[in-house]
PDB file of N, CA and C in Angstrom:
ATOM      1  N   LEU A   1      46.926 -59.494 -36.889  1.00  0.00           N
ATOM      2  CA  LEU A   1      45.666 -58.289 -36.163  1.00  0.00           C
ATOM      3  C   LEU A   1      45.229 -59.738 -35.368  1.00  0.00           C
ATOM      4  N   ALA A   2      45.004 -60.544 -36.137  1.00  0.00           N
ATOM      5  CA  ALA A   2      43.600 -61.209 -34.717  1.00  0.00           C
ATOM      6  C   ALA A   2      44.209 -61.140 -33.301  1.00  0.00           C
ATOM      7  N   SER A   3      45.376 -61.399 -32.803  1.00  0.00           N
ATOM      8  CA  SER A   3      46.302 -61.861 -31.933  1.00  0.00           C
ATOM      9  C   SER A   3      45.941 -60.145 -31.124  1.00  0.00           C
ATOM     10  N   SER A   4      46.280 -59.226 -32.174  1.00  0.00           N
ATOM     11  CA  SER A   4      44.739 -57.736 -30.701  1.00  0.00           C
ATOM     12  C   SER A   4      43.803 -57.323 -30.551  1.00  0.00           C
ATOM     13  N   LYS A   5      43.159 -58.356 -31.726  1.00  0.00           N
ATOM     14  CA  LYS A   5      41.519 -57.924 -30.455  1.00  0.00           C
ATOM     15  C   LYS A   5      41.628 -58.781 -29.790  1.00  0.00           C
ATOM     16  N   GLY A   6      42.247 -60.234 -29.512  1.00  0.00           N
ATOM     17  CA  GLY A   6      41.557 -61.478 -28.434  1.00  0.00           C
ATOM     18  C   GLY A   6      42.614 -60.462 -28.201  1.00  0.00           C
ATOM     19  N   ALA A   7      43.322 -59.629 -26.616  1.00  0.00           N
ATOM     20  CA  ALA A   7      43.970 -59.144 -26.444  1.00  0.00           C
ATOM     21  C   ALA A   7      43.251 -58.043 -25.909  1.00  0.00           C
ATOM     22  N   HIS A   8      42.504 -56.769 -26.751  1.00  0.00           N
ATOM     23  CA  HIS A   8      41.392 -56.028 -25.619  1.00  0.00           C
ATOM     24  C   HIS A   8      40.312 -56.733 -26.313  1.00  0.00           C
ATOM     25  N   ALA A   9      39.601 -57.270 -26.438  1.00  0.00           N
ATOM     26  CA  ALA A   9      38.612 -57.575 -26.193  1.00  0.00           C
ATOM     27  C   ALA A   9      38.867 -58.556 -25.359  1.00  0.00           C
ATOM     28  N   ALA A  10      39.191 -58.842 -24.482  1.00  0.00           N
ATOM     29  CA  ALA A  10      39.133 -59.501 -23.116  1.00  0.00           C
ATOM     30  C   ALA A  10      39.588 -58.031 -21.924  1.00  0.00           C
ATOM     31  N   LEU A  11      40.104 -56.871 -22.546  1.00  0.00           N
ATOM     32  CA  LEU A  11      40.598 -55.731 -21.287  1.00  0.00           C
ATOM     33  C   LEU A  11      39.157 -55.922 -20.565  1.00  0.00           C
ATOM     34  N   TRP A  12      38.888 -55.622 -18.886  1.00  0.00           N
ATOM     35  CA  TRP A  12      37.614 -55.010 -18.969  1.00  0.00           C
ATOM     36  C   TRP A  12      38.203 -54.262 -17.717  1.00  0.00           C
ATOM     37  N   ILE A  13      37.065 -53.230 -18.025  1.00  0.00           N
ATOM     38  CA  ILE A  13      37.186 -51.684 -16.564  1.00  0.00           C
ATOM     39  C   ILE A  13      36.756 -52.035 -16.183  1.00  0.00           C
ATOM     40  N   TYR A  14      36.405 -52.184 -14.530  1.00  0.00           N
ATOM     41  CA  TYR A  14      35.073 -51.771 -13.632  1.00  0.00           C
ATOM     42  C   TYR A  14      35.573 -50.282 -13.108  1.00  0.00           C
ATOM     43  N   GLY A  15      34.191 -50.189 -12.516  1.00  0.00           N
ATOM     44  CA  GLY A  15      34.153 -48.878 -12.359  1.00  0.00           C
ATOM     45  C   GLY A  15      33.647 -47.495 -12.679  1.00  0.00           C
ATOM     46  N   PRO A  16      33.789 -46.280 -12.858  1.00  0.00           N
ATOM     47  CA  PRO A  16      33.279 -45.549 -13.575  1.00  0.00           C
ATOM     48  C   PRO A  16      34.220 -45.062 -14.790  1.00  0.00           C
ATOM     49  N   ASN A  17      33.876 -45.082 -15.901  1.00  0.00           N
ATOM     50  CA  ASN A  17      34.135 -44.459 -16.960  1.00  0.00           C
ATOM     51  C   ASN A  17      35.127 -43.329 -15.974  1.00  0.00           C
ATOM     52  N   PRO A  18      36.130 -42.690 -16.701  1.00  0.00           N
ATOM     53  CA  PRO A  18      37.006 -42.198 -16.336  1.00  0.00           C
ATOM     54  C   PRO A  18      37.138 -40.574 -16.946  1.00  0.00           C
ATOM     55  N   ILE A  19      36.275 -41.302 -18.421  1.00  0.00           N
ATOM     56  CA  ILE A  19      35.873 -40.627 -19.446  1.00  0.00           C
ATOM     57  C   ILE A  19      34.730 -38.798 -18.963  1.00  0.00           C
ATOM     58  N   PHE A  20      33.360 -39.867 -18.363  1.00  0.00           N
ATOM     59  CA  PHE A  20      32.569 -38.866 -17.878  1.00  0.00           C
ATOM     60  C   PHE A  20      33.087 -39.125 -16.616  1.00  0.00           C
ATOM     61  N   THR A  21      33.714 -38.952 -15.972  1.00  0.00           N
ATOM     62  CA  THR A  21      33.638 -38.326 -13.982  1.00  0.00           C
ATOM     63  C   THR A  21      33.867 -37.374 -14.114  1.00  0.00           C
ATOM     64  N   GLY A  22      34.378 -36.114 -15.497  1.00  0.00           N
ATOM     65  CA  GLY A  22      34.116 -34.602 -15.190  1.00  0.00           C
ATOM     66  C   GLY A  22      32.657 -33.837 -15.422  1.00  0.00           C
ATOM     67  N   VAL A  23      31.891 -35.160 -16.092  1.00  0.00           N
ATOM     68  CA  VAL A  23      30.636 -34.350 -17.233  1.00  0.00           C
ATOM     69  C   VAL A  23      29.589 -34.178 -15.013  1.00  0.00           C
ATOM     70  N   ALA A  24      29.986 -35.825 -14.725  1.00  0.00           N
ATOM     71  CA  ALA A  24      29.228 -36.311 -13.346  1.00  0.00           C
ATOM     72  C   ALA A  24      29.535 -35.295 -12.079  1.00  0.00           C
ATOM     73  N   ARG A  25      30.802 -34.576 -12.030  1.00  0.00           N
ATOM     74  CA  ARG A  25      31.045 -33.556 -10.953  1.00  0.00           C
ATOM     75  C   ARG A  25      30.423 -32.177 -11.828  1.00  0.00           C
ATOM     76  N   LEU A  26      30.716 -32.007 -12.605  1.00  0.00           N
ATOM     77  CA  LEU A  26      30.025 -30.991 -12.896  1.00  0.00           C
ATOM     78  C   LEU A  26      29.070 -30.404 -13.079  1.00  0.00           C
ATOM     79  N   GLU A  27      27.826 -32.458 -13.158  1.00  0.00           N
ATOM     80  CA  GLU A  27      26.593 -31.716 -13.294  1.00  0.00           C
ATOM     81  C   GLU A  27      26.078 -31.628 -11.374  1.00  0.00           C
ATOM     82  N   GLU A  28      26.777 -31.748 -10.874  1.00  0.00           N
ATOM     83  CA  GLU A  28      26.720 -32.449  -8.541  1.00  0.00           C
ATOM     84  C   GLU A  28      27.461 -31.092  -9.157  1.00  0.00           C
ATOM     85  N   VAL A  29      28.162 -29.764  -9.155  1.00  0.00           N
ATOM     86  CA  VAL A  29      28.138 -28.983  -8.057  1.00  0.00           C
ATOM     87  C   VAL A  29      27.686 -27.592  -9.250  1.00  0.00           C
ATOM     88  N   SER A  30      27.271 -28.058 -10.185  1.00  0.00           N
ATOM     89  CA  SER A  30      25.663 -27.917 -11.158  1.00  0.00           C
ATOM     90  C   SER A  30      24.506 -27.413 -10.403  1.00  0.00           C
ATOM     91  N   ALA A  31      24.370 -28.830  -9.881  1.00  0.00           N
ATOM     92  CA  ALA A  31      22.583 -29.275  -9.370  1.00  0.00           C
ATOM     93  C   ALA A  31      22.833 -28.413  -7.292  1.00  0.00           C
ATOM     94  N   SER A  32      24.543 -28.596  -6.745  1.00  0.00           N
ATOM     95  CA  SER A  32      24.123 -28.513  -5.541  1.00  0.00           C
ATOM     96  C   SER A  32      23.946 -26.039  -6.307  1.00  0.00           C
ATOM     97  N   VAL A  33      24.991 -25.610  -7.129  1.00  0.00           N
ATOM     98  CA  VAL A  33      25.059 -24.175  -6.892  1.00  0.00           C
ATOM     99  C   VAL A  33      23.331 -23.863  -7.416  1.00  0.00           C
ATOM    100  N   GLN A  34      22.428 -25.003  -8.307  1.00  0.00           N
ATOM    101  CA  GLN A  34      20.718 -24.227  -8.542  1.00  0.00           C
ATOM    102  C   GLN A  34      20.677 -24.351  -7.109  1.00  0.00           C
ATOM    103  N   ASN A  35      20.419 -25.330  -5.827  1.00  0.00           N
ATOM    104  CA  ASN A  35      19.628 -25.659  -4.905  1.00  0.00           C
ATOM    105  C   ASN A  35      20.120 -24.140  -3.822  1.00  0.00           C
ATOM    106  N   THR A  36      21.749 -24.174  -3.947  1.00  0.00           N
ATOM    107  CA  THR A  36      22.229 -22.949  -3.242  1.00  0.00           C
ATOM    108  C   THR A  36      21.677 -21.819  -4.134  1.00  0.00           C
ATOM    109  N   ALA A  37      20.787 -20.860  -4.569  1.00  0.00           N
ATOM    110  CA  ALA A  37      20.708 -20.686  -5.002  1.00  0.00           C
ATOM    111  C   ALA A  37      18.702 -19.947  -4.733  1.00  0.00           C
ATOM    112  N   LEU A  38      18.689 -21.508  -5.179  1.00  0.00           N
ATOM    113  CA  LEU A  38      16.016 -21.500  -4.744  1.00  0.00           C
ATOM    114  C   LEU A  38      16.348 -21.214  -3.376  1.00  0.00           C
ATOM    115  N   GLU A  39      17.445 -21.422  -2.945  1.00  0.00           N
ATOM    116  CA  GLU A  39      17.549 -21.823  -0.997  1.00  0.00           C
ATOM    117  C   GLU A  39      17.465 -20.405  -0.748  1.00  0.00           C
ATOM    118  N   GLN A  40      18.342 -19.583  -1.363  1.00  0.00           N
ATOM    119  CA  GLN A  40      18.465 -18.066  -1.226  1.00  0.00           C
ATOM    120  C   GLN A  40      17.177 -17.551  -1.488  1.00  0.00           C
ATOM    121  N   ALA A  41      15.951 -18.031  -2.986  1.00  0.00           N
ATOM    122  CA  ALA A  41      15.395 -16.908  -3.675  1.00  0.00           C
ATOM    123  C   ALA A  41      14.773 -17.101  -2.598  1.00  0.00           C
ATOM    124  N   LEU A  42      13.560 -18.613  -1.999  1.00  0.00           N
ATOM    125  CA  LEU A  42      13.307 -18.948  -0.522  1.00  0.00           C
ATOM    126  C   LEU A  42      12.945 -17.449  -0.048  1.00  0.00           C
ATOM    127  N   LYS A  43      14.289 -18.034  -0.086  1.00  0.00           N
ATOM    128  CA  LYS A  43      14.423 -16.420   1.805  1.00  0.00           C
ATOM    129  C   LYS A  43      14.028 -16.267   1.732  1.00  0.00           C
ATOM    130  N   LYS A  44      14.979 -14.909   0.537  1.00  0.00           N
ATOM    131  CA  LYS A  44      14.613 -13.650   0.539  1.00  0.00           C
ATOM    132  C   LYS A  44      12.678 -13.849  -0.291  1.00  0.00           C
ATOM    133  N   THR A  45      11.411 -15.086  -0.591  1.00  0.00           N
ATOM    134  CA  THR A  45      10.290 -14.539  -0.609  1.00  0.00           C
ATOM    135  C   THR A  45      10.144 -14.312   0.385  1.00  0.00           C
ATOM    136  N   GLU A  46      10.307 -15.846   1.709  1.00  0.00           N
ATOM    137  CA  GLU A  46       9.868 -15.599   2.489  1.00  0.00           C
ATOM    138  C   GLU A  46      10.100 -13.800   3.379  1.00  0.00           C
ATOM    139  N   ILE A  47      11.359 -14.048   3.809  1.00  0.00           N
ATOM    140  CA  ILE A  47      11.628 -11.778   3.641  1.00  0.00           C
ATOM    141  C   ILE A  47       9.968 -11.354   2.902  1.00  0.00           C
ATOM    142  N   SER A  48      10.972 -10.740   1.958  1.00  0.00           N
ATOM    143  CA  SER A  48       9.792 -10.668   1.279  1.00  0.00           C
ATOM    144  C   SER A  48       7.738 -10.559   2.051  1.00  0.00           C
ATOM    145  N   GLN A  49       7.865 -11.511   1.575  1.00  0.00           N
ATOM    146  CA  GLN A  49       6.213 -11.833   2.578  1.00  0.00           C
ATOM    147  C   GLN A  49       6.121 -11.746   3.404  1.00  0.00           C
ATOM    148  N   ALA A  50       7.070 -11.741   5.035  1.00  0.00           N
ATOM    149  CA  ALA A  50       6.873 -10.840   5.463  1.00  0.00           C
ATOM    150  C   ALA A  50       6.949  -8.802   5.867  1.00  0.00           C
ATOM    151  N   VAL A  51       7.941  -8.703   4.970  1.00  0.00           N
ATOM    152  CA  VAL A  51       7.660  -7.402   4.966  1.00  0.00           C
ATOM    153  C   VAL A  51       6.646  -6.970   4.486  1.00  0.00           C
ATOM    154  N   ALA A  52       5.899  -7.615   3.331  1.00  0.00           N
ATOM    155  CA  ALA A  52       4.450  -6.868   3.084  1.00  0.00           C
ATOM    156  C   ALA A  52       3.065  -7.351   4.312  1.00  0.00           C
ATOM    157  N   GLU A  53       3.423  -8.772   4.137  1.00  0.00           N
ATOM    158  CA  GLU A  53       2.093  -8.346   5.391  1.00  0.00           C
ATOM    159  C   GLU A  53       2.613  -7.433   6.182  1.00  0.00           C
ATOM    160  N   LYS A  54       3.501  -6.856   7.033  1.00  0.00           N
ATOM    161  CA  LYS A  54       4.102  -5.672   7.702  1.00  0.00           C
ATOM    162  C   LYS A  54       3.427  -4.541   7.519  1.00  0.00           C
ATOM    163  N   ASN A  55       3.672  -4.791   6.113  1.00  0.00           N
ATOM    164  CA  ASN A  55       3.268  -3.115   5.253  1.00  0.00           C
ATOM    165  C   ASN A  55       1.791  -3.120   5.711  1.00  0.00           C
ATOM    166  N   LEU A  56       1.175  -4.113   5.209  1.00  0.00           N
ATOM    167  CA  LEU A  56      -0.314  -4.407   4.872  1.00  0.00           C
ATOM    168  C   LEU A  56      -0.996  -4.107   5.676  1.00  0.00           C
ATOM    169  N   ALA A  57      -0.396  -4.548   7.136  1.00  0.00           N
ATOM    170  CA  ALA A  57      -1.044  -3.500   8.752  1.00  0.00           C
ATOM    171  C   ALA A  57      -1.147  -2.055   8.478  1.00  0.00           C
ATOM    172  N   PHE A  58       0.746  -1.930   8.068  1.00  0.00           N
ATOM    173  CA  PHE A  58       0.380  -0.301   8.818  1.00  0.00           C
ATOM    174  C   PHE A  58      -0.385   0.296   7.065  1.00  0.00           C
ATOM    175  N   ALA A  59      -0.575  -0.117   6.545  1.00  0.00           N
ATOM    176  CA  ALA A  59      -2.136   0.222   5.784  1.00  0.00           C
ATOM    177  C   ALA A  59      -2.829   0.164   6.322  1.00  0.00           C
ATOM    178  N   GLN A  60      -3.535  -1.125   6.102  1.00  0.00           N
ATOM    179  CA  GLN A  60      -4.827  -0.724   8.016  1.00  0.00           C
ATOM    180  C   GLN A  60      -5.118  -0.146   8.528  1.00  0.00           C
ATOM    181  N   ASP A  61      -3.929   0.269   8.876  1.00  0.00           N
ATOM    182  CA  ASP A  61      -3.866   1.004  10.434  1.00  0.00           C
ATOM    183  C   ASP A  61      -3.544   2.927  10.570  1.00  0.00           C
ATOM    184  N   LEU A  62      -3.410   3.099   8.736  1.00  0.00           N
ATOM    185  CA  LEU A  62      -3.311   4.020   7.887  1.00  0.00           C
ATOM    186  C   LEU A  62      -4.507   4.231   8.204  1.00  0.00           C
ATOM    187  N   VAL A  63      -5.718   2.892   7.120  1.00  0.00           N
ATOM    188  CA  VAL A  63      -6.205   3.696   6.711  1.00  0.00           C
ATOM    189  C   VAL A  63      -7.779   3.216   7.784  1.00  0.00           C
ATOM    190  N   ALA A  64      -8.188   3.218   8.922  1.00  0.00           N
ATOM    191  CA  ALA A  64      -8.318   3.247  10.605  1.00  0.00           C
ATOM    192  C   ALA A  64      -8.456   4.459  11.075  1.00  0.00           C
ATOM    193  N   LYS A  65      -7.390   4.944  11.110  1.00  0.00           N
ATOM    194  CA  LYS A  65      -7.046   6.182  11.750  1.00  0.00           C
ATOM    195  C   LYS A  65      -7.390   7.315  11.135  1.00  0.00           C
ATOM    196  N   TYR A  66      -7.514   7.352   9.410  1.00  0.00           N
ATOM    197  CA  TYR A  66      -7.851   8.055   8.258  1.00  0.00           C
ATOM    198  C   TYR A  66      -9.961   8.300   8.714  1.00  0.00           C
ATOM    199  N   SER A  67      -9.756   7.345   8.319  1.00  0.00           N
ATOM    200  CA  SER A  67     -11.363   7.348   8.659  1.00  0.00           C
ATOM    201  C   SER A  67     -12.225   7.617  10.155  1.00  0.00           C
ATOM    202  N   SER A  68     -11.806   7.039  11.050  1.00  0.00           N
ATOM    203  CA  SER A  68     -11.711   7.608  12.113  1.00  0.00           C
ATOM    204  C   SER A  68     -11.484   9.313  12.219  1.00  0.00           C
ATOM    205  N   LYS A  69     -10.820   9.948  11.798  1.00  0.00           N
ATOM    206  CA  LYS A  69     -10.484  11.193  11.621  1.00  0.00           C
ATOM    207  C   LYS A  69     -11.187  11.982  11.216  1.00  0.00           C
ATOM    208  N   MET A  70     -12.107  10.996   9.776  1.00  0.00           N
ATOM    209  CA  MET A  70     -13.180  11.982   8.989  1.00  0.00           C
ATOM    210  C   MET A  70     -14.137  12.001   9.299  1.00  0.00           C
ATOM    211  N   LYS A  71     -14.021  10.016   9.863  1.00  0.00           N
ATOM    212  CA  LYS A  71     -16.028  11.183  11.129  1.00  0.00           C
ATOM    213  C   LYS A  71     -15.190  11.743  11.798  1.00  0.00           C
ATOM    214  N   THR A  72     -15.054  12.522  12.511  1.00  0.00           N
ATOM    215  CA  THR A  72     -14.763  12.971  13.318  1.00  0.00           C
ATOM    216  C   THR A  72     -14.619  14.729  12.833  1.00  0.00           C
ATOM    217  N   GLY A  73     -14.109  15.044  11.962  1.00  0.00           N
ATOM    218  CA  GLY A  73     -14.010  15.765  11.327  1.00  0.00           C
ATOM    219  C   GLY A  73     -15.224  15.903  10.981  1.00  0.00           C
ATOM    220  N   ASN A  74     -15.770  15.028  10.393  1.00  0.00           N
ATOM    221  CA  ASN A  74     -17.306  15.589   8.956  1.00  0.00           C
ATOM    222  C   ASN A  74     -18.144  16.186  10.522  1.00  0.00           C
ATOM    223  N   THR A  75     -18.162  15.407  11.327  1.00  0.00           N
ATOM    224  CA  THR A  75     -18.911  16.004  12.784  1.00  0.00           C
ATOM    225  C   THR A  75     -18.950  17.207  13.997  1.00  0.00           C
ATOM    226  N   ARG A  76     -17.568  16.992  13.611  1.00  0.00           N
ATOM    227  CA  ARG A  76     -17.095  18.310  14.144  1.00  0.00           C
ATOM    228  C   ARG A  76     -17.948  20.408  12.997  1.00  0.00           C
ATOM    229  N   LEU A  77     -17.070  19.448  11.286  1.00  0.00           N
ATOM    230  CA  LEU A  77     -17.543  20.207  10.740  1.00  0.00           C
ATOM    231  C   LEU A  77     -19.481  20.430  10.586  1.00  0.00           C
ATOM    232  N   SER A  78     -20.034  19.143  10.440  1.00  0.00           N
ATOM    233  CA  SER A  78     -21.937  19.606  10.242  1.00  0.00           C
ATOM    234  C   SER A  78     -22.257  20.697  12.587  1.00  0.00           C
ATOM    235  N   LEU A  79     -21.303  20.470  12.985  1.00  0.00           N
ATOM    236  CA  LEU A  79     -21.841  21.715  14.471  1.00  0.00           C
ATOM    237  C   LEU A  79     -21.700  23.189  14.348  1.00  0.00           C
ATOM    238  N   VAL A  80     -20.196  22.767  13.851  1.00  0.00           N
ATOM    239  CA  VAL A  80     -20.361  24.624  13.184  1.00  0.00           C
ATOM    240  C   VAL A  80     -20.651  25.575  11.916  1.00  0.00           C
ATOM    241  N   GLU A  81     -21.000  24.353  11.199  1.00  0.00           N
ATOM    242  CA  GLU A  81     -22.102  24.528   9.987  1.00  0.00           C
ATOM    243  C   GLU A  81     -23.042  25.402  10.263  1.00  0.00           C
ATOM    244  N   ALA A  82     -23.772  24.219  11.734  1.00  0.00           N
ATOM    245  CA  ALA A  82     -24.794  24.218  12.356  1.00  0.00           C
ATOM    246  C   ALA A  82     -24.956  26.244  12.943  1.00  0.00           C
ATOM    247  N   GLN A  83     -23.929  26.264  13.895  1.00  0.00           N
ATOM    248  CA  GLN A  83     -24.055  27.054  14.658  1.00  0.00           C
ATOM    249  C   GLN A  83     -23.630  28.864  14.085  1.00  0.00           C
ATOM    250  N   ILE A  84     -22.576  28.449  12.758  1.00  0.00           N
ATOM    251  CA  ILE A  84     -23.147  29.689  11.458  1.00  0.00           C
ATOM    252  C   ILE A  84     -24.657  29.194  11.148  1.00  0.00           C
ATOM    253  N   GLU A  85     -24.987  28.440  10.807  1.00  0.00           N
ATOM    254  CA  GLU A  85     -26.677  28.725  10.498  1.00  0.00           C
ATOM    255  C   GLU A  85     -27.561  30.225  11.367  1.00  0.00           C
ATOM    256  N   LYS A  86     -27.221  29.161  12.608  1.00  0.00           N
ATOM    257  CA  LYS A  86     -27.913  29.489  13.839  1.00  0.00           C
ATOM    258  C   LYS A  86     -27.700  31.274  14.165  1.00  0.00           C
ATOM    259  N   GLN A  87     -26.418  31.401  13.682  1.00  0.00           N
ATOM    260  CA  GLN A  87     -25.939  33.161  14.160  1.00  0.00           C
ATOM    261  C   GLN A  87     -25.693  33.163  13.398  1.00  0.00           C
ATOM    262  N   ILE A  88     -26.214  33.092  11.370  1.00  0.00           N
ATOM    263  CA  ILE A  88     -26.547  34.233  10.334  1.00  0.00           C
ATOM    264  C   ILE A  88     -28.039  34.631  10.728  1.00  0.00           C
ATOM    265  N   HIS A  89     -29.445  33.433  11.521  1.00  0.00           N
ATOM    266  CA  HIS A  89     -30.480  33.323  11.563  1.00  0.00           C
ATOM    267  C   HIS A  89     -30.917  34.696  12.689  1.00  0.00           C
ATOM    268  N   GLN A  90     -30.528  33.935  13.553  1.00  0.00           N
ATOM    269  CA  GLN A  90     -30.080  35.705  14.355  1.00  0.00           C
ATOM    270  C   GLN A  90     -30.044  36.889  14.341  1.00  0.00           C
ATOM    271  N   VAL A  91     -29.037  37.427  13.821  1.00  0.00           N
ATOM    272  CA  VAL A  91     -28.445  38.292  12.939  1.00  0.00           C
ATOM    273  C   VAL A  91     -29.564  39.166  11.892  1.00  0.00           C
ATOM    274  N   ASN A  92     -29.792  37.831  10.921  1.00  0.00           N
ATOM    275  CA  ASN A  92     -31.013  38.644  10.268  1.00  0.00           C
ATOM    276  C   ASN A  92     -32.763  38.906  11.052  1.00  0.00           C
ATOM    277  N   SER A  93     -32.220  38.230  11.831  1.00  0.00           N
ATOM    278  CA  SER A  93     -33.829  38.541  13.204  1.00  0.00           C
ATOM    279  C   SER A  93     -33.708  40.059  13.095  1.00  0.00           C
ATOM    280  N   VAL A  94     -32.180  40.554  14.384  1.00  0.00           N
ATOM    281  CA  VAL A  94     -32.022  41.611  14.463  1.00  0.00           C
ATOM    282  C   VAL A  94     -31.735  42.698  13.660  1.00  0.00           C
ATOM    283  N   GLU A  95     -31.465  42.576  11.915  1.00  0.00           N
ATOM    284  CA  GLU A  95     -31.860  43.694  11.049  1.00  0.00           C
ATOM    285  C   GLU A  95     -33.016  43.748  10.811  1.00  0.00           C
ATOM    286  N   ASP A  96     -34.152  42.468  11.007  1.00  0.00           N
ATOM    287  CA  ASP A  96     -35.150  42.784  11.198  1.00  0.00           C
ATOM    288  C   ASP A  96     -35.817  43.361  11.496  1.00  0.00           C
ATOM    289  N   ASN A  97     -35.403  43.827  13.098  1.00  0.00           N
ATOM    290  CA  ASN A  97     -36.077  44.161  14.037  1.00  0.00           C
ATOM    291  C   ASN A  97     -35.802  45.365  13.744  1.00  0.00           C
ATOM    292  N   ILE A  98     -34.188  46.323  13.458  1.00  0.00           N
ATOM    293  CA  ILE A  98     -33.497  47.310  13.877  1.00  0.00           C
ATOM    294  C   ILE A  98     -34.546  48.299  12.206  1.00  0.00           C
ATOM    295  N   VAL A  99     -35.116  47.192  11.633  1.00  0.00           N
ATOM    296  CA  VAL A  99     -35.514  48.140   9.778  1.00  0.00           C
ATOM    297  C   VAL A  99     -37.291  48.137  10.000  1.00  0.00           C
ATOM    298  N   ASP A 100     -37.410  47.015  11.226  1.00  0.00           N
ATOM    299  CA  ASP A 100     -39.256  47.262  11.654  1.00  0.00           C
ATOM    300  C   ASP A 100     -39.552  49.002  12.949  1.00  0.00           C
ATOM    301  N   LYS A 101     -38.480  48.444  13.242  1.00  0.00           N
ATOM    302  CA  LYS A 101     -38.616  49.967  14.500  1.00  0.00           C
ATOM    303  C   LYS A 101     -38.506  51.258  13.118  1.00  0.00           C
ATOM    304  N   VAL A 102     -37.064  51.375  13.019  1.00  0.00           N
ATOM    305  CA  VAL A 102     -36.896  53.145  11.737  1.00  0.00           C
ATOM    306  C   VAL A 102     -38.013  52.694  10.740  1.00  0.00           C
ATOM    307  N   CYS A 103     -38.652  51.652  10.516  1.00  0.00           N
ATOM    308  CA  CYS A 103     -40.319  51.464  10.071  1.00  0.00           C
ATOM    309  C   CYS A 103     -41.441  52.396  10.291  1.00  0.00           C
ATOM    310  N   SER A 104     -40.747  51.940  11.583  1.00  0.00           N
ATOM    311  CA  SER A 104     -42.583  51.982  12.067  1.00  0.00           C
ATOM    312  C   SER A 104     -42.241  53.633  13.377  1.00  0.00           C
ATOM    313  N   SER A 105     -41.473  54.567  12.748  1.00  0.00           N
ATOM    314  CA  SER A 105     -41.419  55.378  14.009  1.00  0.00           C
ATOM    315  C   SER A 105     -41.820  56.544  12.878  1.00  0.00           C
ATOM    316  N   THR A 106     -42.348  57.601  13.751  1.00  0.00           N
ATOM    317  CA  THR A 106     -42.627  58.692  12.927  1.00  0.00           C
ATOM    318  C   THR A 106     -40.734  59.247  12.905  1.00  0.00           C
ATOM    319  N   VAL A 107     -41.147  59.805  11.235  1.00  0.00           N
ATOM    320  CA  VAL A 107     -40.415  60.239  10.895  1.00  0.00           C
ATOM    321  C   VAL A 107     -40.592  62.060  10.293  1.00  0.00           C
ATOM    322  N   PRO A 108     -40.334  62.596  10.867  1.00  0.00           N
ATOM    323  CA  PRO A 108     -41.106  64.391   9.912  1.00  0.00           C
ATOM    324  C   PRO A 108     -40.351  63.858   8.391  1.00  0.00           C
ATOM    325  N   ASN A 109     -41.953  64.221   8.043  1.00  0.00           N
ATOM    326  CA  ASN A 109     -41.433  64.268   6.756  1.00  0.00           C
ATOM    327  C   ASN A 109     -40.817  66.475   5.703  1.00  0.00           C
ATOM    328  N   ILE A 110     -39.667  65.270   5.431  1.00  0.00           N
ATOM    329  CA  ILE A 110     -38.437  65.630   4.618  1.00  0.00           C
ATOM    330  C   ILE A 110     -38.433  66.018   3.224  1.00  0.00           C
ATOM    331  N   PRO A 111     -39.016  67.414   2.878  1.00  0.00           N
ATOM    332  CA  PRO A 111     -38.787  67.349   1.505  1.00  0.00           C
ATOM    333  C   PRO A 111     -37.773  66.997   0.521  1.00  0.00           C
ATOM    334  N   VAL A 112     -38.262  66.454  -1.321  1.00  0.00           N
ATOM    335  CA  VAL A 112     -37.385  65.112  -1.222  1.00  0.00           C
ATOM    336  C   VAL A 112     -37.156  66.542  -2.165  1.00  0.00           C
ATOM    337  N   ILE A 113     -35.664  67.139  -2.521  1.00  0.00           N
ATOM    338  CA  ILE A 113     -35.761  68.316  -3.637  1.00  0.00           C
ATOM    339  C   ILE A 113     -35.165  66.775  -4.426  1.00  0.00           C
ATOM    340  N   LEU A 114     -35.575  67.221  -6.363  1.00  0.00           N
ATOM    341  CA  LEU A 114     -35.577  66.082  -6.862  1.00  0.00           C
ATOM    342  C   LEU A 114     -34.849  66.878  -8.275  1.00  0.00           C
TER     343      LEU A 114
END
């Protein structure tokens, strides 16, 4: 037994341990896959950000157009309302003139039968 112990003690292996080389290779592959997935996620994020910025600009343009159209619509509505009020006033004044003329004219006395 003493001779076998001495023989094993003198044996040295230089370089990586073949038992752990598979684990190191697996870690390298895992890191590579993680890096690739991370790169793809970042690309998607950049694309998503570009799409979001484009959508934001489009929405802001729509809001500006909507605001402009609302302002124009409100202006037109107020003009139409003013014209309607003017026409109502004219019709009322014409009716008042007609009523005044009818009331002021001499109407023969017609007996009213009750």
